[in-house]
PDB file of all heavy atoms in Angstrom:
ATOM      1  N   ASP A   1     148.874  42.766   3.221  1.00  0.00           N
ATOM      2  CA  ASP A   1     148.408  43.246   4.483  1.00  0.00           C
ATOM      3  C   ASP A   1     146.894  43.246   4.645  1.00  0.00           C
ATOM      4  O   ASP A   1     146.253  44.199   5.108  1.00  0.00           O
ATOM      5  CB  ASP A   1     148.914  44.685   4.688  1.00  0.00           C
ATOM      6  CG  ASP A   1     150.441  44.761   4.755  1.00  0.00           C
ATOM      7  OD1 ASP A   1     151.061  43.734   5.103  1.00  0.00           O
ATOM      8  OD2 ASP A   1     150.998  45.839   4.470  1.00  0.00           O
ATOM      9  N   GLY A   2     146.259  42.147   4.258  1.00  0.00           N
ATOM     10  CA  GLY A   2     144.830  41.987   4.486  1.00  0.00           C
ATOM     11  C   GLY A   2     143.962  42.480   3.357  1.00  0.00           C
ATOM     12  O   GLY A   2     142.762  42.139   3.318  1.00  0.00           O
ATOM     13  N   SER A   3     144.458  43.274   2.492  1.00  0.00           N
ATOM     14  CA  SER A   3     143.666  43.695   1.313  1.00  0.00           C
ATOM     15  C   SER A   3     144.032  42.774   0.120  1.00  0.00           C
ATOM     16  O   SER A   3     145.139  42.221   0.046  1.00  0.00           O
ATOM     17  CB  SER A   3     143.910  45.153   0.959  1.00  0.00           C
ATOM     18  OG  SER A   3     145.230  45.353   0.531  1.00  0.00           O
ATOM     19  N   ALA A   4     143.107  42.694  -0.841  1.00  0.00           N
ATOM     20  CA  ALA A   4     143.350  41.830  -1.958  1.00  0.00           C
ATOM     21  C   ALA A   4     142.716  42.420  -3.226  1.00  0.00           C
ATOM     22  O   ALA A   4     141.679  43.124  -3.169  1.00  0.00           O
ATOM     23  CB  ALA A   4     142.775  40.450  -1.711  1.00  0.00           C
ATOM     24  N   LEU A   5     143.311  42.150  -4.344  1.00  0.00           N
ATOM     25  CA  LEU A   5     142.798  42.552  -5.662  1.00  0.00           C
ATOM     26  C   LEU A   5     142.552  41.309  -6.477  1.00  0.00           C
ATOM     27  O   LEU A   5     143.332  40.362  -6.437  1.00  0.00           O
ATOM     28  CB  LEU A   5     143.811  43.409  -6.397  1.00  0.00           C
ATOM     29  CG  LEU A   5     144.370  44.636  -5.687  1.00  0.00           C
ATOM     30  CD1 LEU A   5     145.396  45.361  -6.578  1.00  0.00           C
ATOM     31  CD2 LEU A   5     143.270  45.598  -5.278  1.00  0.00           C
ATOM     32  N   LEU A   6     141.446  41.320  -7.221  1.00  0.00           N
ATOM     33  CA  LEU A   6     141.143  40.247  -8.184  1.00  0.00           C
ATOM     34  C   LEU A   6     141.198  40.872  -9.574  1.00  0.00           C
ATOM     35  O   LEU A   6     140.484  41.861  -9.838  1.00  0.00           O
ATOM     36  CB  LEU A   6     139.776  39.637  -7.938  1.00  0.00           C
ATOM     37  CG  LEU A   6     139.311  38.624  -8.990  1.00  0.00           C
ATOM     38  CD1 LEU A   6     140.171  37.334  -8.917  1.00  0.00           C
ATOM     39  CD2 LEU A   6     137.821  38.239  -8.770  1.00  0.00           C
ATOM     40  N   VAL A   7     141.979  40.293 -10.448  1.00  0.00           N
ATOM     41  CA  VAL A   7     142.092  40.759 -11.813  1.00  0.00           C
ATOM     42  C   VAL A   7     141.548  39.626 -12.680  1.00  0.00           C
ATOM     43  O   VAL A   7     142.034  38.500 -12.659  1.00  0.00           O
ATOM     44  CB  VAL A   7     143.557  41.030 -12.188  1.00  0.00           C
ATOM     45  CG1 VAL A   7     143.640  41.556 -13.635  1.00  0.00           C
ATOM     46  CG2 VAL A   7     144.174  42.036 -11.226  1.00  0.00           C
ATOM     47  N   ALA A   8     140.509  39.938 -13.455  1.00  0.00           N
ATOM     48  CA  ALA A   8     139.850  38.933 -14.311  1.00  0.00           C
ATOM     49  C   ALA A   8     139.702  39.517 -15.720  1.00  0.00           C
ATOM     50  O   ALA A   8     139.117  40.599 -15.882  1.00  0.00           O
ATOM     51  CB  ALA A   8     138.502  38.518 -13.754  1.00  0.00           C
ATOM     52  N   ALA A   9     140.248  38.802 -16.711  1.00  0.00           N
ATOM     53  CA  ALA A   9     140.197  39.331 -18.088  1.00  0.00           C
ATOM     54  C   ALA A   9     139.839  38.172 -19.029  1.00  0.00           C
ATOM     55  O   ALA A   9     140.404  37.051 -18.904  1.00  0.00           O
ATOM     56  CB  ALA A   9     141.538  39.960 -18.494  1.00  0.00           C
ATOM     57  N   ASN A  10     138.947  38.427 -19.945  1.00  0.00           N
ATOM     58  CA  ASN A  10     138.639  37.520 -20.999  1.00  0.00           C
ATOM     59  C   ASN A  10     139.439  37.969 -22.247  1.00  0.00           C
ATOM     60  O   ASN A  10     139.131  38.990 -22.868  1.00  0.00           O
ATOM     61  CB  ASN A  10     137.132  37.558 -21.329  1.00  0.00           C
ATOM     62  CG  ASN A  10     136.773  36.694 -22.502  1.00  0.00           C
ATOM     63  OD1 ASN A  10     137.553  35.830 -22.950  1.00  0.00           O
ATOM     64  ND2 ASN A  10     135.564  36.861 -23.033  1.00  0.00           N
ATOM     65  N   LEU A  11     140.477  37.211 -22.565  1.00  0.00           N
ATOM     66  CA  LEU A  11     141.339  37.573 -23.703  1.00  0.00           C
ATOM     67  C   LEU A  11     140.889  36.819 -24.965  1.00  0.00           C
ATOM     68  O   LEU A  11     141.646  36.111 -25.592  1.00  0.00           O
ATOM     69  CB  LEU A  11     142.796  37.282 -23.363  1.00  0.00           C
ATOM     70  CG  LEU A  11     143.348  37.997 -22.133  1.00  0.00           C
ATOM     71  CD1 LEU A  11     144.866  37.820 -22.000  1.00  0.00           C
ATOM     72  CD2 LEU A  11     143.038  39.488 -22.152  1.00  0.00           C
ATOM     73  N   ASP A  12     139.620  37.005 -25.297  1.00  0.00           N
ATOM     74  CA  ASP A  12     139.015  36.275 -26.392  1.00  0.00           C
ATOM     75  C   ASP A  12     137.845  37.075 -26.945  1.00  0.00           C
ATOM     76  O   ASP A  12     137.250  37.881 -26.202  1.00  0.00           O
ATOM     77  CB  ASP A  12     138.537  34.888 -25.882  1.00  0.00           C
ATOM     78  CG  ASP A  12     138.060  33.991 -27.022  1.00  0.00           C
ATOM     79  OD1 ASP A  12     138.918  33.568 -27.832  1.00  0.00           O
ATOM     80  OD2 ASP A  12     136.851  33.752 -27.130  1.00  0.00           O
ATOM     81  N   GLY A  13     137.498  36.850 -28.207  1.00  0.00           N
ATOM     82  CA  GLY A  13     136.448  37.566 -28.823  1.00  0.00           C
ATOM     83  C   GLY A  13     135.058  36.964 -28.647  1.00  0.00           C
ATOM     84  O   GLY A  13     134.108  37.492 -29.248  1.00  0.00           O
ATOM     85  N   ALA A  14     134.926  35.956 -27.825  1.00  0.00           N
ATOM     86  CA  ALA A  14     133.610  35.389 -27.516  1.00  0.00           C
ATOM     87  C   ALA A  14     133.370  35.465 -26.023  1.00  0.00           C
ATOM     88  O   ALA A  14     134.293  35.463 -25.221  1.00  0.00           O
ATOM     89  CB  ALA A  14     133.574  33.924 -27.986  1.00  0.00           C
ATOM     90  N   PRO A  15     132.138  35.465 -25.561  1.00  0.00           N
ATOM     91  CA  PRO A  15     131.832  35.478 -24.140  1.00  0.00           C
ATOM     92  C   PRO A  15     132.366  34.240 -23.504  1.00  0.00           C
ATOM     93  O   PRO A  15     132.289  33.130 -24.057  1.00  0.00           O
ATOM     94  CB  PRO A  15     130.290  35.534 -24.074  1.00  0.00           C
ATOM     95  CG  PRO A  15     129.867  36.071 -25.431  1.00  0.00           C
ATOM     96  CD  PRO A  15     130.889  35.562 -26.399  1.00  0.00           C
ATOM     97  N   ARG A  16     132.866  34.365 -22.267  1.00  0.00           N
ATOM     98  CA  ARG A  16     133.428  33.218 -21.571  1.00  0.00           C
ATOM     99  C   ARG A  16     132.958  33.254 -20.101  1.00  0.00           C
ATOM    100  O   ARG A  16     133.076  34.279 -19.450  1.00  0.00           O
ATOM    101  CB  ARG A  16     134.945  33.219 -21.594  1.00  0.00           C
ATOM    102  CG  ARG A  16     135.525  33.186 -23.009  1.00  0.00           C
ATOM    103  CD  ARG A  16     135.323  31.825 -23.649  1.00  0.00           C
ATOM    104  NE  ARG A  16     135.747  31.828 -25.071  1.00  0.00           N
ATOM    105  CZ  ARG A  16     135.649  30.788 -25.863  1.00  0.00           C
ATOM    106  NH1 ARG A  16     135.068  29.678 -25.450  1.00  0.00           N
ATOM    107  NH2 ARG A  16     136.077  30.863 -27.132  1.00  0.00           N
ATOM    108  N   PRO A  17     132.453  32.099 -19.569  1.00  0.00           N
ATOM    109  CA  PRO A  17     131.984  32.130 -18.175  1.00  0.00           C
ATOM    110  C   PRO A  17     133.151  32.170 -17.205  1.00  0.00           C
ATOM    111  O   PRO A  17     134.155  31.481 -17.355  1.00  0.00           O
ATOM    112  CB  PRO A  17     131.227  30.823 -18.072  1.00  0.00           C
ATOM    113  CG  PRO A  17     131.818  29.938 -19.173  1.00  0.00           C
ATOM    114  CD  PRO A  17     132.200  30.832 -20.263  1.00  0.00           C
ATOM    115  N   LEU A  18     132.989  33.026 -16.204  1.00  0.00           N
ATOM    116  CA  LEU A  18     133.956  33.087 -15.070  1.00  0.00           C
ATOM    117  C   LEU A  18     133.399  32.208 -13.969  1.00  0.00           C
ATOM    118  O   LEU A  18     132.299  32.503 -13.464  1.00  0.00           O
ATOM    119  CB  LEU A  18     134.120  34.546 -14.621  1.00  0.00           C
ATOM    120  CG  LEU A  18     135.147  34.818 -13.512  1.00  0.00           C
ATOM    121  CD1 LEU A  18     136.536  34.486 -13.992  1.00  0.00           C
ATOM    122  CD2 LEU A  18     135.092  36.283 -13.106  1.00  0.00           C
ATOM    123  N   PRO A  19     134.080  31.143 -13.582  1.00  0.00           N
ATOM    124  CA  PRO A  19     133.548  30.228 -12.600  1.00  0.00           C
ATOM    125  C   PRO A  19     133.128  30.927 -11.301  1.00  0.00           C
ATOM    126  O   PRO A  19     133.795  31.849 -10.824  1.00  0.00           O
ATOM    127  CB  PRO A  19     134.676  29.199 -12.369  1.00  0.00           C
ATOM    128  CG  PRO A  19     135.511  29.298 -13.588  1.00  0.00           C
ATOM    129  CD  PRO A  19     135.430  30.710 -14.068  1.00  0.00           C
ATOM    130  N   ALA A  20     132.024  30.431 -10.756  1.00  0.00           N
ATOM    131  CA  ALA A  20     131.508  31.009  -9.522  1.00  0.00           C
ATOM    132  C   ALA A  20     132.508  30.916  -8.410  1.00  0.00           C
ATOM    133  O   ALA A  20     132.628  31.783  -7.521  1.00  0.00           O
ATOM    134  CB  ALA A  20     130.207  30.318  -9.133  1.00  0.00           C
ATOM    135  N   ALA A  21     133.351  29.833  -8.401  1.00  0.00           N
ATOM    136  CA  ALA A  21     134.309  29.671  -7.332  1.00  0.00           C
ATOM    137  C   ALA A  21     135.318  30.817  -7.298  1.00  0.00           C
ATOM    138  O   ALA A  21     135.828  31.185  -6.249  1.00  0.00           O
ATOM    139  CB  ALA A  21     135.040  28.345  -7.513  1.00  0.00           C
ATOM    140  N   VAL A  22     135.640  31.361  -8.460  1.00  0.00           N
ATOM    141  CA  VAL A  22     136.604  32.459  -8.546  1.00  0.00           C
ATOM    142  C   VAL A  22     136.016  33.724  -7.847  1.00  0.00           C
ATOM    143  O   VAL A  22     136.728  34.456  -7.192  1.00  0.00           O
ATOM    144  CB  VAL A  22     136.948  32.787 -10.007  1.00  0.00           C
ATOM    145  CG1 VAL A  22     137.784  34.098 -10.095  1.00  0.00           C
ATOM    146  CG2 VAL A  22     137.704  31.608 -10.632  1.00  0.00           C
ATOM    147  N   LEU A  23     134.705  33.923  -8.005  1.00  0.00           N
ATOM    148  CA  LEU A  23     134.058  35.146  -7.443  1.00  0.00           C
ATOM    149  C   LEU A  23     133.600  34.959  -6.029  1.00  0.00           C
ATOM    150  O   LEU A  23     133.134  35.963  -5.437  1.00  0.00           O
ATOM    151  CB  LEU A  23     132.880  35.510  -8.340  1.00  0.00           C
ATOM    152  CG  LEU A  23     133.275  36.093  -9.716  1.00  0.00           C
ATOM    153  CD1 LEU A  23     132.007  36.200 -10.573  1.00  0.00           C
ATOM    154  CD2 LEU A  23     133.956  37.412  -9.644  1.00  0.00           C
ATOM    155  N   GLU A  24     133.740  33.775  -5.471  1.00  0.00           N
ATOM    156  CA  GLU A  24     133.278  33.572  -4.098  1.00  0.00           C
ATOM    157  C   GLU A  24     134.030  34.519  -3.138  1.00  0.00           C
ATOM    158  O   GLU A  24     135.261  34.551  -3.115  1.00  0.00           O
ATOM    159  CB  GLU A  24     133.522  32.113  -3.694  1.00  0.00           C
ATOM    160  CG  GLU A  24     132.937  31.776  -2.333  1.00  0.00           C
ATOM    161  CD  GLU A  24     133.052  30.308  -2.027  1.00  0.00           C
ATOM    162  OE1 GLU A  24     133.468  29.507  -2.918  1.00  0.00           O
ATOM    163  OE2 GLU A  24     132.841  29.937  -0.818  1.00  0.00           O
ATOM    164  N   GLY A  25     133.235  35.240  -2.360  1.00  0.00           N
ATOM    165  CA  GLY A  25     133.851  36.155  -1.403  1.00  0.00           C
ATOM    166  C   GLY A  25     134.116  37.564  -1.988  1.00  0.00           C
ATOM    167  O   GLY A  25     134.614  38.441  -1.269  1.00  0.00           O
ATOM    168  N   TRP A  26     133.804  37.772  -3.262  1.00  0.00           N
ATOM    169  CA  TRP A  26     134.044  39.083  -3.907  1.00  0.00           C
ATOM    170  C   TRP A  26     132.784  39.867  -4.172  1.00  0.00           C
ATOM    171  O   TRP A  26     132.794  40.912  -4.862  1.00  0.00           O
ATOM    172  CB  TRP A  26     134.819  38.886  -5.189  1.00  0.00           C
ATOM    173  CG  TRP A  26     136.236  38.397  -5.005  1.00  0.00           C
ATOM    174  CD1 TRP A  26     136.634  37.090  -4.919  1.00  0.00           C
ATOM    175  CD2 TRP A  26     137.416  39.174  -4.786  1.00  0.00           C
ATOM    176  NE1 TRP A  26     137.993  37.039  -4.707  1.00  0.00           N
ATOM    177  CE2 TRP A  26     138.473  38.296  -4.641  1.00  0.00           C
ATOM    178  CE3 TRP A  26     137.643  40.541  -4.744  1.00  0.00           C
ATOM    179  CZ2 TRP A  26     139.793  38.749  -4.415  1.00  0.00           C
ATOM    180  CZ3 TRP A  26     138.921  41.002  -4.553  1.00  0.00           C
ATOM    181  CH2 TRP A  26     140.007  40.113  -4.368  1.00  0.00           C
ATOM    182  N   GLY A  27     131.669  39.417  -3.609  1.00  0.00           N
ATOM    183  CA  GLY A  27     130.404  40.037  -3.914  1.00  0.00           C
ATOM    184  C   GLY A  27     130.346  41.513  -3.561  1.00  0.00           C
ATOM    185  O   GLY A  27     129.705  42.328  -4.251  1.00  0.00           O
ATOM    186  N   GLY A  28     130.942  41.943  -2.442  1.00  0.00           N
ATOM    187  CA  GLY A  28     130.890  43.331  -2.055  1.00  0.00           C
ATOM    188  C   GLY A  28     132.130  44.114  -2.409  1.00  0.00           C
ATOM    189  O   GLY A  28     132.351  45.213  -1.881  1.00  0.00           O
ATOM    190  N   ALA A  29     132.927  43.565  -3.290  1.00  0.00           N
ATOM    191  CA  ALA A  29     134.171  44.190  -3.644  1.00  0.00           C
ATOM    192  C   ALA A  29     133.991  45.476  -4.418  1.00  0.00           C
ATOM    193  O   ALA A  29     132.972  45.693  -5.077  1.00  0.00           O
ATOM    194  CB  ALA A  29     135.095  43.246  -4.427  1.00  0.00           C
ATOM    195  N   ARG A  30     134.991  46.349  -4.357  1.00  0.00           N
ATOM    196  CA  ARG A  30     134.939  47.603  -5.060  1.00  0.00           C
ATOM    197  C   ARG A  30     135.580  47.492  -6.407  1.00  0.00           C
ATOM    198  O   ARG A  30     136.653  46.881  -6.561  1.00  0.00           O
ATOM    199  CB  ARG A  30     135.699  48.658  -4.252  1.00  0.00           C
ATOM    200  CG  ARG A  30     135.608  50.055  -4.733  1.00  0.00           C
ATOM    201  CD  ARG A  30     136.339  50.974  -3.786  1.00  0.00           C
ATOM    202  NE  ARG A  30     136.079  52.384  -4.088  1.00  0.00           N
ATOM    203  CZ  ARG A  30     136.625  53.367  -3.411  1.00  0.00           C
ATOM    204  NH1 ARG A  30     137.505  53.131  -2.451  1.00  0.00           N
ATOM    205  NH2 ARG A  30     136.369  54.616  -3.717  1.00  0.00           N
ATOM    206  N   VAL A  31     134.985  48.050  -7.412  1.00  0.00           N
ATOM    207  CA  VAL A  31     135.536  48.036  -8.748  1.00  0.00           C
ATOM    208  C   VAL A  31     136.571  49.187  -8.897  1.00  0.00           C
ATOM    209  O   VAL A  31     136.225  50.338  -8.680  1.00  0.00           O
ATOM    210  CB  VAL A  31     134.453  48.215  -9.834  1.00  0.00           C
ATOM    211  CG1 VAL A  31     135.079  48.228 -11.246  1.00  0.00           C
ATOM    212  CG2 VAL A  31     133.419  47.066  -9.712  1.00  0.00           C
ATOM    213  N   LEU A  32     137.786  48.798  -9.198  1.00  0.00           N
ATOM    214  CA  LEU A  32     138.815  49.818  -9.422  1.00  0.00           C
ATOM    215  C   LEU A  32     139.010  50.172 -10.861  1.00  0.00           C
ATOM    216  O   LEU A  32     139.205  51.352 -11.177  1.00  0.00           O
ATOM    217  CB  LEU A  32     140.192  49.249  -8.859  1.00  0.00           C
ATOM    218  CG  LEU A  32     140.254  48.937  -7.394  1.00  0.00           C
ATOM    219  CD1 LEU A  32     141.640  48.498  -6.996  1.00  0.00           C
ATOM    220  CD2 LEU A  32     139.823  50.120  -6.514  1.00  0.00           C
ATOM    221  N   VAL A  33     138.974  49.199 -11.729  1.00  0.00           N
ATOM    222  CA  VAL A  33     139.160  49.422 -13.148  1.00  0.00           C
ATOM    223  C   VAL A  33     138.288  48.436 -13.916  1.00  0.00           C
ATOM    224  O   VAL A  33     138.154  47.288 -13.527  1.00  0.00           O
ATOM    225  CB  VAL A  33     140.644  49.207 -13.569  1.00  0.00           C
ATOM    226  CG1 VAL A  33     140.810  49.302 -15.083  1.00  0.00           C
ATOM    227  CG2 VAL A  33     141.556  50.210 -12.889  1.00  0.00           C
ATOM    228  N   ALA A  34     137.687  48.853 -15.000  1.00  0.00           N
ATOM    229  CA  ALA A  34     136.965  48.017 -15.930  1.00  0.00           C
ATOM    230  C   ALA A  34     136.987  48.629 -17.299  1.00  0.00           C
ATOM    231  O   ALA A  34     137.251  49.801 -17.469  1.00  0.00           O
ATOM    232  CB  ALA A  34     135.508  47.819 -15.431  1.00  0.00           C
ATOM    233  N   ASN A  35     136.770  47.815 -18.314  1.00  0.00           N
ATOM    234  CA  ASN A  35     136.817  48.372 -19.669  1.00  0.00           C
ATOM    235  C   ASN A  35     135.491  48.350 -20.382  1.00  0.00           C
ATOM    236  O   ASN A  35     135.409  48.774 -21.539  1.00  0.00           O
ATOM    237  CB  ASN A  35     137.864  47.605 -20.527  1.00  0.00           C
ATOM    238  CG  ASN A  35     137.501  46.159 -20.779  1.00  0.00           C
ATOM    239  OD1 ASN A  35     136.650  45.602 -20.140  1.00  0.00           O
ATOM    240  ND2 ASN A  35     138.193  45.522 -21.747  1.00  0.00           N
ATOM    241  N   TYR A  36     134.423  47.964 -19.740  1.00  0.00           N
ATOM    242  CA  TYR A  36     133.041  48.156 -20.223  1.00  0.00           C
ATOM    243  C   TYR A  36     132.410  49.237 -19.402  1.00  0.00           C
ATOM    244  O   TYR A  36     132.708  49.378 -18.206  1.00  0.00           O
ATOM    245  CB  TYR A  36     132.248  46.847 -20.150  1.00  0.00           C
ATOM    246  CG  TYR A  36     132.389  45.926 -21.311  1.00  0.00           C
ATOM    247  CD1 TYR A  36     133.547  45.186 -21.506  1.00  0.00           C
ATOM    248  CD2 TYR A  36     131.374  45.789 -22.258  1.00  0.00           C
ATOM    249  CE1 TYR A  36     133.666  44.302 -22.587  1.00  0.00           C
ATOM    250  CE2 TYR A  36     131.469  44.917 -23.341  1.00  0.00           C
ATOM    251  CZ  TYR A  36     132.636  44.166 -23.510  1.00  0.00           C
ATOM    252  OH  TYR A  36     132.744  43.314 -24.585  1.00  0.00           O
TER     253      TYR A  36
END
């Protein structure tokens, strides 16, 4: 119904880049849950 959630997880023990295309349009999004 017009709202959307983005779930992004790095399931690895090394840093991994999240492509910019995935985050496009999410700049003003609200953080619901994070583990850092």
